[in-house]
PDB file of N, CA and C in Angstrom:
ATOM      1  N   MET A   1      27.213   6.638   5.090  1.00  0.00           N
ATOM      2  CA  MET A   1      26.330   6.784   6.235  1.00  0.00           C
ATOM      3  C   MET A   1      26.581   8.133   6.904  1.00  0.00           C
ATOM      4  N   LEU A   2      27.374   8.146   7.956  1.00  0.00           N
ATOM      5  CA  LEU A   2      27.697   9.387   8.654  1.00  0.00           C
ATOM      6  C   LEU A   2      29.140   9.759   8.348  1.00  0.00           C
ATOM      7  N   PRO A   3      29.403  11.023   8.079  1.00  0.00           N
ATOM      8  CA  PRO A   3      30.771  11.425   7.741  1.00  0.00           C
ATOM      9  C   PRO A   3      31.712  11.309   8.942  1.00  0.00           C
ATOM     10  N   ASN A   4      32.969  11.057   8.647  1.00  0.00           N
ATOM     11  CA  ASN A   4      34.049  11.014   9.650  1.00  0.00           C
ATOM     12  C   ASN A   4      33.865   9.935  10.714  1.00  0.00           C
ATOM     13  N   ILE A   5      33.151   8.862  10.386  1.00  0.00           N
ATOM     14  CA  ILE A   5      33.011   7.755  11.342  1.00  0.00           C
ATOM     15  C   ILE A   5      33.587   6.508  10.698  1.00  0.00           C
ATOM     16  N   ASN A   6      34.445   5.855  11.431  1.00  0.00           N
ATOM     17  CA  ASN A   6      35.068   4.619  10.983  1.00  0.00           C
ATOM     18  C   ASN A   6      33.975   3.569  10.748  1.00  0.00           C
ATOM     19  N   PRO A   7      33.928   2.958   9.552  1.00  0.00           N
ATOM     20  CA  PRO A   7      32.890   1.967   9.271  1.00  0.00           C
ATOM     21  C   PRO A   7      32.869   0.797  10.263  1.00  0.00           C
ATOM     22  N   LYS A   8      34.060   0.382  10.733  1.00  0.00           N
ATOM     23  CA  LYS A   8      34.103  -0.718  11.714  1.00  0.00           C
ATOM     24  C   LYS A   8      33.467  -0.292  13.036  1.00  0.00           C
ATOM     25  N   LYS A   9      33.738   0.960  13.457  1.00  0.00           N
ATOM     26  CA  LYS A   9      33.117   1.483  14.683  1.00  0.00           C
ATOM     27  C   LYS A   9      31.604   1.563  14.521  1.00  0.00           C
ATOM     28  N   MET A  10      31.173   2.011  13.327  1.00  0.00           N
ATOM     29  CA  MET A  10      29.746   2.135  13.058  1.00  0.00           C
ATOM     30  C   MET A  10      29.070   0.770  13.153  1.00  0.00           C
ATOM     31  N   GLN A  11      29.696  -0.270  12.568  1.00  0.00           N
ATOM     32  CA  GLN A  11      29.109  -1.612  12.627  1.00  0.00           C
ATOM     33  C   GLN A  11      29.065  -2.121  14.065  1.00  0.00           C
ATOM     34  N   LYS A  12      30.093  -1.816  14.845  1.00  0.00           N
ATOM     35  CA  LYS A  12      30.124  -2.236  16.247  1.00  0.00           C
ATOM     36  C   LYS A  12      29.006  -1.554  17.029  1.00  0.00           C
ATOM     37  N   MET A  13      28.796  -0.240  16.780  1.00  0.00           N
ATOM     38  CA  MET A  13      27.719   0.493  17.451  1.00  0.00           C
ATOM     39  C   MET A  13      26.357  -0.081  17.058  1.00  0.00           C
ATOM     40  N   MET A  14      26.190  -0.360  15.770  1.00  0.00           N
ATOM     41  CA  MET A  14      24.917  -0.911  15.297  1.00  0.00           C
ATOM     42  C   MET A  14      24.647  -2.276  15.942  1.00  0.00           C
ATOM     43  N   LYS A  15      25.695  -3.091  16.033  1.00  0.00           N
ATOM     44  CA  LYS A  15      25.545  -4.412  16.639  1.00  0.00           C
ATOM     45  C   LYS A  15      25.153  -4.289  18.109  1.00  0.00           C
ATOM     46  N   SER A  16      25.756  -3.324  18.812  1.00  0.00           N
ATOM     47  CA  SER A  16      25.422  -3.144  20.237  1.00  0.00           C
ATOM     48  C   SER A  16      23.980  -2.662  20.415  1.00  0.00           C
ATOM     49  N   LEU A  17      23.435  -1.994  19.407  1.00  0.00           N
ATOM     50  CA  LEU A  17      22.047  -1.534  19.449  1.00  0.00           C
ATOM     51  C   LEU A  17      21.077  -2.590  18.908  1.00  0.00           C
ATOM     52  N   GLY A  18      21.614  -3.746  18.519  1.00  0.00           N
ATOM     53  CA  GLY A  18      20.758  -4.807  17.989  1.00  0.00           C
ATOM     54  C   GLY A  18      20.359  -4.582  16.545  1.00  0.00           C
ATOM     55  N   MET A  19      21.178  -3.843  15.813  1.00  0.00           N
ATOM     56  CA  MET A  19      20.884  -3.555  14.405  1.00  0.00           C
ATOM     57  C   MET A  19      21.793  -4.366  13.496  1.00  0.00           C
ATOM     58  N   LYS A  20      21.191  -4.913  12.440  1.00  0.00           N
ATOM     59  CA  LYS A  20      21.962  -5.601  11.414  1.00  0.00           C
ATOM     60  C   LYS A  20      21.616  -4.964  10.082  1.00  0.00           C
ATOM     61  N   GLN A  21      22.631  -4.761   9.258  1.00  0.00           N
ATOM     62  CA  GLN A  21      22.417  -4.173   7.942  1.00  0.00           C
ATOM     63  C   GLN A  21      23.016  -5.104   6.907  1.00  0.00           C
ATOM     64  N   GLU A  22      22.261  -5.316   5.838  1.00  0.00           N
ATOM     65  CA  GLU A  22      22.690  -6.230   4.790  1.00  0.00           C
ATOM     66  C   GLU A  22      22.432  -5.583   3.425  1.00  0.00           C
ATOM     67  N   GLU A  23      23.419  -5.654   2.550  1.00  0.00           N
ATOM     68  CA  GLU A  23      23.273  -5.140   1.186  1.00  0.00           C
ATOM     69  C   GLU A  23      22.543  -6.196   0.362  1.00  0.00           C
ATOM     70  N   ILE A  24      21.528  -5.768  -0.394  1.00  0.00           N
ATOM     71  CA  ILE A  24      20.799  -6.669  -1.282  1.00  0.00           C
ATOM     72  C   ILE A  24      21.139  -6.269  -2.705  1.00  0.00           C
ATOM     73  N   GLU A  25      21.617  -7.244  -3.484  1.00  0.00           N
ATOM     74  CA  GLU A  25      21.972  -6.975  -4.870  1.00  0.00           C
ATOM     75  C   GLU A  25      20.697  -6.951  -5.699  1.00  0.00           C
ATOM     76  N   ALA A  26      20.437  -5.847  -6.381  1.00  0.00           N
ATOM     77  CA  ALA A  26      19.231  -5.712  -7.203  1.00  0.00           C
ATOM     78  C   ALA A  26      19.566  -4.904  -8.449  1.00  0.00           C
ATOM     79  N   SER A  27      18.896  -5.232  -9.552  1.00  0.00           N
ATOM     80  CA  SER A  27      19.120  -4.484 -10.788  1.00  0.00           C
ATOM     81  C   SER A  27      18.012  -3.458 -11.025  1.00  0.00           C
ATOM     82  N   GLU A  28      16.836  -3.687 -10.408  1.00  0.00           N
ATOM     83  CA  GLU A  28      15.711  -2.781 -10.565  1.00  0.00           C
ATOM     84  C   GLU A  28      14.721  -3.044  -9.430  1.00  0.00           C
ATOM     85  N   VAL A  29      14.095  -1.991  -8.934  1.00  0.00           N
ATOM     86  CA  VAL A  29      13.070  -2.110  -7.896  1.00  0.00           C
ATOM     87  C   VAL A  29      11.810  -1.436  -8.427  1.00  0.00           C
ATOM     88  N   ILE A  30      10.657  -2.136  -8.315  1.00  0.00           N
ATOM     89  CA  ILE A  30       9.390  -1.577  -8.770  1.00  0.00           C
ATOM     90  C   ILE A  30       8.436  -1.531  -7.582  1.00  0.00           C
ATOM     91  N   ILE A  31       7.910  -0.345  -7.318  1.00  0.00           N
ATOM     92  CA  ILE A  31       6.910  -0.159  -6.268  1.00  0.00           C
ATOM     93  C   ILE A  31       5.594   0.140  -6.969  1.00  0.00           C
ATOM     94  N   LYS A  32       4.604  -0.740  -6.755  1.00  0.00           N
ATOM     95  CA  LYS A  32       3.314  -0.589  -7.430  1.00  0.00           C
ATOM     96  C   LYS A  32       2.319   0.098  -6.506  1.00  0.00           C
ATOM     97  N   CYS A  33       1.783   1.211  -6.978  1.00  0.00           N
ATOM     98  CA  CYS A  33       0.752   1.975  -6.288  1.00  0.00           C
ATOM     99  C   CYS A  33      -0.547   1.807  -7.080  1.00  0.00           C
ATOM    100  N   PRO A  34      -1.688   2.199  -6.524  1.00  0.00           N
ATOM    101  CA  PRO A  34      -2.948   2.037  -7.258  1.00  0.00           C
ATOM    102  C   PRO A  34      -2.972   2.747  -8.610  1.00  0.00           C
ATOM    103  N   ASP A  35      -2.330   3.899  -8.721  1.00  0.00           N
ATOM    104  CA  ASP A  35      -2.422   4.677  -9.957  1.00  0.00           C
ATOM    105  C   ASP A  35      -1.097   4.874 -10.686  1.00  0.00           C
ATOM    106  N   LYS A  36       0.003   4.354 -10.123  1.00  0.00           N
ATOM    107  CA  LYS A  36       1.304   4.537 -10.764  1.00  0.00           C
ATOM    108  C   LYS A  36       2.283   3.486 -10.279  1.00  0.00           C
ATOM    109  N   GLU A  37       3.399   3.404 -10.972  1.00  0.00           N
ATOM    110  CA  GLU A  37       4.510   2.552 -10.567  1.00  0.00           C
ATOM    111  C   GLU A  37       5.744   3.429 -10.415  1.00  0.00           C
ATOM    112  N   LEU A  38       6.507   3.164  -9.378  1.00  0.00           N
ATOM    113  CA  LEU A  38       7.793   3.820  -9.197  1.00  0.00           C
ATOM    114  C   LEU A  38       8.858   2.800  -9.576  1.00  0.00           C
ATOM    115  N   VAL A  39       9.629   3.096 -10.605  1.00  0.00           N
ATOM    116  CA  VAL A  39      10.676   2.201 -11.071  1.00  0.00           C
ATOM    117  C   VAL A  39      12.008   2.813 -10.658  1.00  0.00           C
ATOM    118  N   ILE A  40      12.785   2.064  -9.886  1.00  0.00           N
ATOM    119  CA  ILE A  40      14.075   2.558  -9.400  1.00  0.00           C
ATOM    120  C   ILE A  40      15.170   1.752 -10.086  1.00  0.00           C
ATOM    121  N   ARG A  41      15.905   2.433 -10.953  1.00  0.00           N
ATOM    122  CA  ARG A  41      16.986   1.786 -11.703  1.00  0.00           C
ATOM    123  C   ARG A  41      18.318   2.054 -11.006  1.00  0.00           C
ATOM    124  N   ASN A  42      19.262   1.158 -11.196  1.00  0.00           N
ATOM    125  CA  ASN A  42      20.571   1.227 -10.539  1.00  0.00           C
ATOM    126  C   ASN A  42      20.402   1.414  -9.031  1.00  0.00           C
ATOM    127  N   PRO A  43      19.596   0.545  -8.394  1.00  0.00           N
ATOM    128  CA  PRO A  43      19.310   0.772  -6.977  1.00  0.00           C
ATOM    129  C   PRO A  43      20.435   0.322  -6.048  1.00  0.00           C
ATOM    130  N   SER A  44      20.484   0.992  -4.919  1.00  0.00           N
ATOM    131  CA  SER A  44      21.289   0.558  -3.789  1.00  0.00           C
ATOM    132  C   SER A  44      20.261   0.187  -2.722  1.00  0.00           C
ATOM    133  N   VAL A  45      20.199  -1.103  -2.380  1.00  0.00           N
ATOM    134  CA  VAL A  45      19.176  -1.587  -1.451  1.00  0.00           C
ATOM    135  C   VAL A  45      19.847  -2.113  -0.188  1.00  0.00           C
ATOM    136  N   GLN A  46      19.423  -1.575   0.935  1.00  0.00           N
ATOM    137  CA  GLN A  46      19.935  -2.003   2.239  1.00  0.00           C
ATOM    138  C   GLN A  46      18.776  -2.574   3.051  1.00  0.00           C
ATOM    139  N   LYS A  47      18.955  -3.789   3.578  1.00  0.00           N
ATOM    140  CA  LYS A  47      17.957  -4.369   4.474  1.00  0.00           C
ATOM    141  C   LYS A  47      18.477  -4.174   5.897  1.00  0.00           C
ATOM    142  N   VAL A  48      17.661  -3.510   6.703  1.00  0.00           N
ATOM    143  CA  VAL A  48      18.057  -3.199   8.076  1.00  0.00           C
ATOM    144  C   VAL A  48      17.131  -3.940   9.032  1.00  0.00           C
ATOM    145  N   ASN A  49      17.710  -4.674   9.966  1.00  0.00           N
ATOM    146  CA  ASN A  49      16.938  -5.374  10.991  1.00  0.00           C
ATOM    147  C   ASN A  49      17.272  -4.724  12.320  1.00  0.00           C
ATOM    148  N   MET A  50      16.268  -4.092  12.923  1.00  0.00           N
ATOM    149  CA  MET A  50      16.477  -3.432  14.200  1.00  0.00           C
ATOM    150  C   MET A  50      15.463  -3.984  15.189  1.00  0.00           C
ATOM    151  N   MET A  51      15.953  -4.735  16.155  1.00  0.00           N
ATOM    152  CA  MET A  51      15.130  -5.337  17.205  1.00  0.00           C
ATOM    153  C   MET A  51      13.961  -6.132  16.606  1.00  0.00           C
ATOM    154  N   GLY A  52      14.258  -6.949  15.579  1.00  0.00           N
ATOM    155  CA  GLY A  52      13.253  -7.814  14.986  1.00  0.00           C
ATOM    156  C   GLY A  52      12.402  -7.156  13.912  1.00  0.00           C
ATOM    157  N   GLN A  53      12.517  -5.864  13.753  1.00  0.00           N
ATOM    158  CA  GLN A  53      11.752  -5.127  12.740  1.00  0.00           C
ATOM    159  C   GLN A  53      12.623  -4.941  11.507  1.00  0.00           C
ATOM    160  N   GLU A  54      12.185  -5.491  10.364  1.00  0.00           N
ATOM    161  CA  GLU A  54      12.958  -5.354   9.142  1.00  0.00           C
ATOM    162  C   GLU A  54      12.422  -4.200   8.297  1.00  0.00           C
ATOM    163  N   SER A  55      13.337  -3.447   7.712  1.00  0.00           N
ATOM    164  CA  SER A  55      12.953  -2.376   6.795  1.00  0.00           C
ATOM    165  C   SER A  55      13.974  -2.330   5.664  1.00  0.00           C
ATOM    166  N   LEU A  56      13.569  -1.706   4.560  1.00  0.00           N
ATOM    167  CA  LEU A  56      14.447  -1.569   3.407  1.00  0.00           C
ATOM    168  C   LEU A  56      14.713  -0.096   3.144  1.00  0.00           C
ATOM    169  N   GLN A  57      15.933   0.196   2.791  1.00  0.00           N
ATOM    170  CA  GLN A  57      16.308   1.549   2.390  1.00  0.00           C
ATOM    171  C   GLN A  57      16.765   1.451   0.945  1.00  0.00           C
ATOM    172  N   ILE A  58      16.097   2.197   0.071  1.00  0.00           N
ATOM    173  CA  ILE A  58      16.368   2.109  -1.365  1.00  0.00           C
ATOM    174  C   ILE A  58      16.712   3.490  -1.902  1.00  0.00           C
ATOM    175  N   SER A  59      17.776   3.548  -2.679  1.00  0.00           N
ATOM    176  CA  SER A  59      18.108   4.790  -3.384  1.00  0.00           C
ATOM    177  C   SER A  59      18.519   4.423  -4.803  1.00  0.00           C
ATOM    178  N   GLY A  60      18.358   5.358  -5.708  1.00  0.00           N
ATOM    179  CA  GLY A  60      18.706   5.105  -7.106  1.00  0.00           C
ATOM    180  C   GLY A  60      18.029   6.112  -8.006  1.00  0.00           C
ATOM    181  N   ASP A  61      17.993   5.799  -9.296  1.00  0.00           N
ATOM    182  CA  ASP A  61      17.375   6.670 -10.303  1.00  0.00           C
ATOM    183  C   ASP A  61      15.893   6.336 -10.378  1.00  0.00           C
ATOM    184  N   ILE A  62      15.022   7.256  -9.944  1.00  0.00           N
ATOM    185  CA  ILE A  62      13.583   6.992  -9.846  1.00  0.00           C
ATOM    186  C   ILE A  62      12.856   7.516 -11.074  1.00  0.00           C
ATOM    187  N   GLU A  63      12.003   6.646 -11.622  1.00  0.00           N
ATOM    188  CA  GLU A  63      11.151   7.001 -12.758  1.00  0.00           C
ATOM    189  C   GLU A  63       9.714   6.674 -12.358  1.00  0.00           C
ATOM    190  N   GLU A  64       8.810   7.593 -12.616  1.00  0.00           N
ATOM    191  CA  GLU A  64       7.404   7.392 -12.267  1.00  0.00           C
ATOM    192  C   GLU A  64       6.611   7.091 -13.532  1.00  0.00           C
ATOM    193  N   LYS A  65       5.847   5.987 -13.497  1.00  0.00           N
ATOM    194  CA  LYS A  65       5.023   5.603 -14.643  1.00  0.00           C
ATOM    195  C   LYS A  65       3.574   5.525 -14.199  1.00  0.00           C
ATOM    196  N   SER A  66       2.683   6.126 -14.983  1.00  0.00           N
ATOM    197  CA  SER A  66       1.270   6.006 -14.649  1.00  0.00           C
ATOM    198  C   SER A  66       0.758   4.664 -15.190  1.00  0.00           C
ATOM    199  N   ILE A  67      -0.212   4.100 -14.500  1.00  0.00           N
ATOM    200  CA  ILE A  67      -0.771   2.802 -14.872  1.00  0.00           C
ATOM    201  C   ILE A  67      -2.083   3.024 -15.593  1.00  0.00           C
ATOM    202  N   GLU A  68      -2.213   2.401 -16.748  1.00  0.00           N
ATOM    203  CA  GLU A  68      -3.474   2.502 -17.480  1.00  0.00           C
ATOM    204  C   GLU A  68      -4.522   1.660 -16.776  1.00  0.00           C
ATOM    205  N   SER A  69      -5.730   2.209 -16.668  1.00  0.00           N
ATOM    206  CA  SER A  69      -6.810   1.490 -16.001  1.00  0.00           C
ATOM    207  C   SER A  69      -7.666   0.729 -17.004  1.00  0.00           C
ATOM    208  N   PHE A  70      -7.045   0.382 -18.153  1.00  0.00           N
ATOM    209  CA  PHE A  70      -7.758  -0.377 -19.175  1.00  0.00           C
ATOM    210  C   PHE A  70      -6.750  -1.262 -19.908  1.00  0.00           C
ATOM    211  N   SER A  71      -7.271  -2.275 -20.617  1.00  0.00           N
ATOM    212  CA  SER A  71      -6.405  -3.238 -21.289  1.00  0.00           C
ATOM    213  C   SER A  71      -6.428  -3.035 -22.797  1.00  0.00           C
ATOM    214  N   GLU A  72      -5.586  -3.789 -23.482  1.00  0.00           N
ATOM    215  CA  GLU A  72      -5.570  -3.761 -24.951  1.00  0.00           C
ATOM    216  C   GLU A  72      -6.909  -4.246 -25.501  1.00  0.00           C
ATOM    217  N   GLU A  73      -7.527  -5.200 -24.805  1.00  0.00           N
ATOM    218  CA  GLU A  73      -8.847  -5.702 -25.223  1.00  0.00           C
ATOM    219  C   GLU A  73      -9.886  -4.576 -25.164  1.00  0.00           C
ATOM    220  N   ASP A  74      -9.812  -3.737 -24.134  1.00  0.00           N
ATOM    221  CA  ASP A  74     -10.725  -2.596 -24.009  1.00  0.00           C
ATOM    222  C   ASP A  74     -10.547  -1.643 -25.198  1.00  0.00           C
ATOM    223  N   ILE A  75      -9.295  -1.411 -25.573  1.00  0.00           N
ATOM    224  CA  ILE A  75      -8.997  -0.512 -26.693  1.00  0.00           C
ATOM    225  C   ILE A  75      -9.601  -1.076 -27.976  1.00  0.00           C
ATOM    226  N   LYS A  76      -9.408  -2.387 -28.200  1.00  0.00           N
ATOM    227  CA  LYS A  76      -9.940  -3.021 -29.407  1.00  0.00           C
ATOM    228  C   LYS A  76     -11.466  -2.955 -29.431  1.00  0.00           C
ATOM    229  N   MET A  77     -12.094  -3.191 -28.281  1.00  0.00           N
ATOM    230  CA  MET A  77     -13.549  -3.163 -28.211  1.00  0.00           C
ATOM    231  C   MET A  77     -14.078  -1.773 -28.562  1.00  0.00           C
ATOM    232  N   VAL A  78     -13.501  -0.743 -27.965  1.00  0.00           N
ATOM    233  CA  VAL A  78     -13.943   0.633 -28.240  1.00  0.00           C
ATOM    234  C   VAL A  78     -13.705   0.963 -29.706  1.00  0.00           C
ATOM    235  N   SER A  79     -12.553   0.565 -30.237  1.00  0.00           N
ATOM    236  CA  SER A  79     -12.222   0.825 -31.630  1.00  0.00           C
ATOM    237  C   SER A  79     -13.226   0.148 -32.573  1.00  0.00           C
ATOM    238  N   GLU A  80     -13.541  -1.106 -32.311  1.00  0.00           N
ATOM    239  CA  GLU A  80     -14.489  -1.845 -33.151  1.00  0.00           C
ATOM    240  C   GLU A  80     -15.902  -1.273 -33.051  1.00  0.00           C
ATOM    241  N   GLN A  81     -16.324  -0.944 -31.847  1.00  0.00           N
ATOM    242  CA  GLN A  81     -17.688  -0.433 -31.645  1.00  0.00           C
ATOM    243  C   GLN A  81     -17.897   0.936 -32.273  1.00  0.00           C
ATOM    244  N   THR A  82     -16.853   1.725 -32.336  1.00  0.00           N
ATOM    245  CA  THR A  82     -16.986   3.096 -32.846  1.00  0.00           C
ATOM    246  C   THR A  82     -16.390   3.280 -34.237  1.00  0.00           C
ATOM    247  N   GLU A  83     -15.750   2.227 -34.732  1.00  0.00           N
ATOM    248  CA  GLU A  83     -15.087   2.275 -36.047  1.00  0.00           C
ATOM    249  C   GLU A  83     -14.056   3.399 -36.122  1.00  0.00           C
ATOM    250  N   CYS A  84     -13.325   3.569 -35.042  1.00  0.00           N
ATOM    251  CA  CYS A  84     -12.243   4.556 -35.010  1.00  0.00           C
ATOM    252  C   CYS A  84     -10.916   3.815 -34.889  1.00  0.00           C
ATOM    253  N   SER A  85      -9.824   4.544 -34.949  1.00  0.00           N
ATOM    254  CA  SER A  85      -8.501   3.925 -34.822  1.00  0.00           C
ATOM    255  C   SER A  85      -8.254   3.529 -33.364  1.00  0.00           C
ATOM    256  N   GLU A  86      -7.316   2.613 -33.172  1.00  0.00           N
ATOM    257  CA  GLU A  86      -6.969   2.194 -31.806  1.00  0.00           C
ATOM    258  C   GLU A  86      -6.362   3.362 -31.030  1.00  0.00           C
ATOM    259  N   GLU A  87      -5.655   4.235 -31.710  1.00  0.00           N
ATOM    260  CA  GLU A  87      -5.068   5.407 -31.043  1.00  0.00           C
ATOM    261  C   GLU A  87      -6.159   6.336 -30.516  1.00  0.00           C
ATOM    262  N   GLU A  88      -7.204   6.554 -31.321  1.00  0.00           N
ATOM    263  CA  GLU A  88      -8.325   7.387 -30.870  1.00  0.00           C
ATOM    264  C   GLU A  88      -9.036   6.738 -29.691  1.00  0.00           C
ATOM    265  N   ALA A  89      -9.187   5.412 -29.761  1.00  0.00           N
ATOM    266  CA  ALA A  89      -9.838   4.675 -28.669  1.00  0.00           C
ATOM    267  C   ALA A  89      -9.013   4.797 -27.386  1.00  0.00           C
ATOM    268  N   ARG A  90      -7.694   4.655 -27.502  1.00  0.00           N
ATOM    269  CA  ARG A  90      -6.799   4.774 -26.335  1.00  0.00           C
ATOM    270  C   ARG A  90      -6.915   6.173 -25.714  1.00  0.00           C
ATOM    271  N   GLU A  91      -6.879   7.197 -26.559  1.00  0.00           N
ATOM    272  CA  GLU A  91      -6.969   8.578 -26.062  1.00  0.00           C
ATOM    273  C   GLU A  91      -8.284   8.813 -25.329  1.00  0.00           C
ATOM    274  N   SER A  92      -9.371   8.275 -25.886  1.00  0.00           N
ATOM    275  CA  SER A  92     -10.674   8.446 -25.253  1.00  0.00           C
ATOM    276  C   SER A  92     -10.728   7.715 -23.914  1.00  0.00           C
ATOM    277  N   LEU A  93     -10.170   6.496 -23.865  1.00  0.00           N
ATOM    278  CA  LEU A  93     -10.154   5.744 -22.609  1.00  0.00           C
ATOM    279  C   LEU A  93      -9.303   6.455 -21.558  1.00  0.00           C
ATOM    280  N   GLU A  94      -8.194   7.020 -21.977  1.00  0.00           N
ATOM    281  CA  GLU A  94      -7.351   7.775 -21.034  1.00  0.00           C
ATOM    282  C   GLU A  94      -8.109   8.975 -20.488  1.00  0.00           C
ATOM    283  N   LYS A  95      -8.776   9.687 -21.385  1.00  0.00           N
ATOM    284  CA  LYS A  95      -9.531  10.873 -20.996  1.00  0.00           C
ATOM    285  C   LYS A  95     -10.674  10.513 -20.041  1.00  0.00           C
ATOM    286  N   ASN A  96     -11.311   9.372 -20.284  1.00  0.00           N
ATOM    287  CA  ASN A  96     -12.464   8.945 -19.478  1.00  0.00           C
ATOM    288  C   ASN A  96     -12.100   7.953 -18.383  1.00  0.00           C
ATOM    289  N   GLU A  97     -10.817   7.906 -18.025  1.00  0.00           N
ATOM    290  CA  GLU A  97     -10.317   7.080 -16.920  1.00  0.00           C
ATOM    291  C   GLU A  97     -10.730   5.614 -17.042  1.00  0.00           C
ATOM    292  N   GLY A  98     -10.665   5.086 -18.281  1.00  0.00           N
ATOM    293  CA  GLY A  98     -10.931   3.667 -18.497  1.00  0.00           C
ATOM    294  C   GLY A  98     -12.397   3.301 -18.624  1.00  0.00           C
ATOM    295  N   ASP A  99     -13.301   4.280 -18.606  1.00  0.00           N
ATOM    296  CA  ASP A  99     -14.739   4.016 -18.717  1.00  0.00           C
ATOM    297  C   ASP A  99     -15.077   3.693 -20.172  1.00  0.00           C
ATOM    298  N   ILE A 100     -15.309   2.395 -20.453  1.00  0.00           N
ATOM    299  CA  ILE A 100     -15.538   1.929 -21.816  1.00  0.00           C
ATOM    300  C   ILE A 100     -16.818   2.517 -22.402  1.00  0.00           C
ATOM    301  N   ALA A 101     -17.916   2.428 -21.659  1.00  0.00           N
ATOM    302  CA  ALA A 101     -19.209   2.916 -22.155  1.00  0.00           C
ATOM    303  C   ALA A 101     -19.141   4.402 -22.485  1.00  0.00           C
ATOM    304  N   LYS A 102     -18.544   5.175 -21.609  1.00  0.00           N
ATOM    305  CA  LYS A 102     -18.435   6.621 -21.818  1.00  0.00           C
ATOM    306  C   LYS A 102     -17.587   6.923 -23.061  1.00  0.00           C
ATOM    307  N   SER A 103     -16.525   6.149 -23.240  1.00  0.00           N
ATOM    308  CA  SER A 103     -15.655   6.344 -24.398  1.00  0.00           C
ATOM    309  C   SER A 103     -16.389   6.021 -25.690  1.00  0.00           C
ATOM    310  N   ILE A 104     -17.145   4.927 -25.697  1.00  0.00           N
ATOM    311  CA  ILE A 104     -17.903   4.552 -26.898  1.00  0.00           C
ATOM    312  C   ILE A 104     -18.922   5.636 -27.247  1.00  0.00           C
ATOM    313  N   LEU A 105     -19.661   6.083 -26.244  1.00  0.00           N
ATOM    314  CA  LEU A 105     -20.668   7.116 -26.496  1.00  0.00           C
ATOM    315  C   LEU A 105     -20.031   8.401 -27.023  1.00  0.00           C
ATOM    316  N   GLU A 106     -18.905   8.767 -26.426  1.00  0.00           N
ATOM    317  CA  GLU A 106     -18.216   9.992 -26.835  1.00  0.00           C
ATOM    318  C   GLU A 106     -17.733   9.908 -28.283  1.00  0.00           C
ATOM    319  N   LEU A 107     -17.179   8.759 -28.660  1.00  0.00           N
ATOM    320  CA  LEU A 107     -16.631   8.605 -30.006  1.00  0.00           C
ATOM    321  C   LEU A 107     -17.702   8.415 -31.080  1.00  0.00           C
ATOM    322  N   LYS A 108     -18.891   7.982 -30.679  1.00  0.00           N
ATOM    323  CA  LYS A 108     -19.981   7.793 -31.650  1.00  0.00           C
ATOM    324  C   LYS A 108     -20.651   9.115 -32.013  1.00  0.00           C
ATOM    325  N   LYS A 109     -20.417  10.154 -31.210  1.00  0.00           N
ATOM    326  CA  LYS A 109     -21.049  11.470 -31.481  1.00  0.00           C
ATOM    327  C   LYS A 109     -20.497  12.087 -32.732  1.00  0.00           C
TER     328      LYS A 109
END
């Protein structure tokens, strides 16, 4: 927390301010956003309650993953409709942001 401060003194100060801190044991934390996921491995998670307001403090190894806006079924459909490989269908869907019709038309050209 803060350097050169006795942990017992720090807890006493936090208690006098109405703050409670609790360690949460976790092996992985995933934060889902509309277009990506943040995966935090080896996390250190602290739950802090200050005057009835709870918040989490998370630190660890962060990895960012983009979320595909299409499913395996979409890939198969595009592949079947255009008679191309599933890899080509996936690439087209990625390029066209999951738009199936646009991908089919593009691959049929």
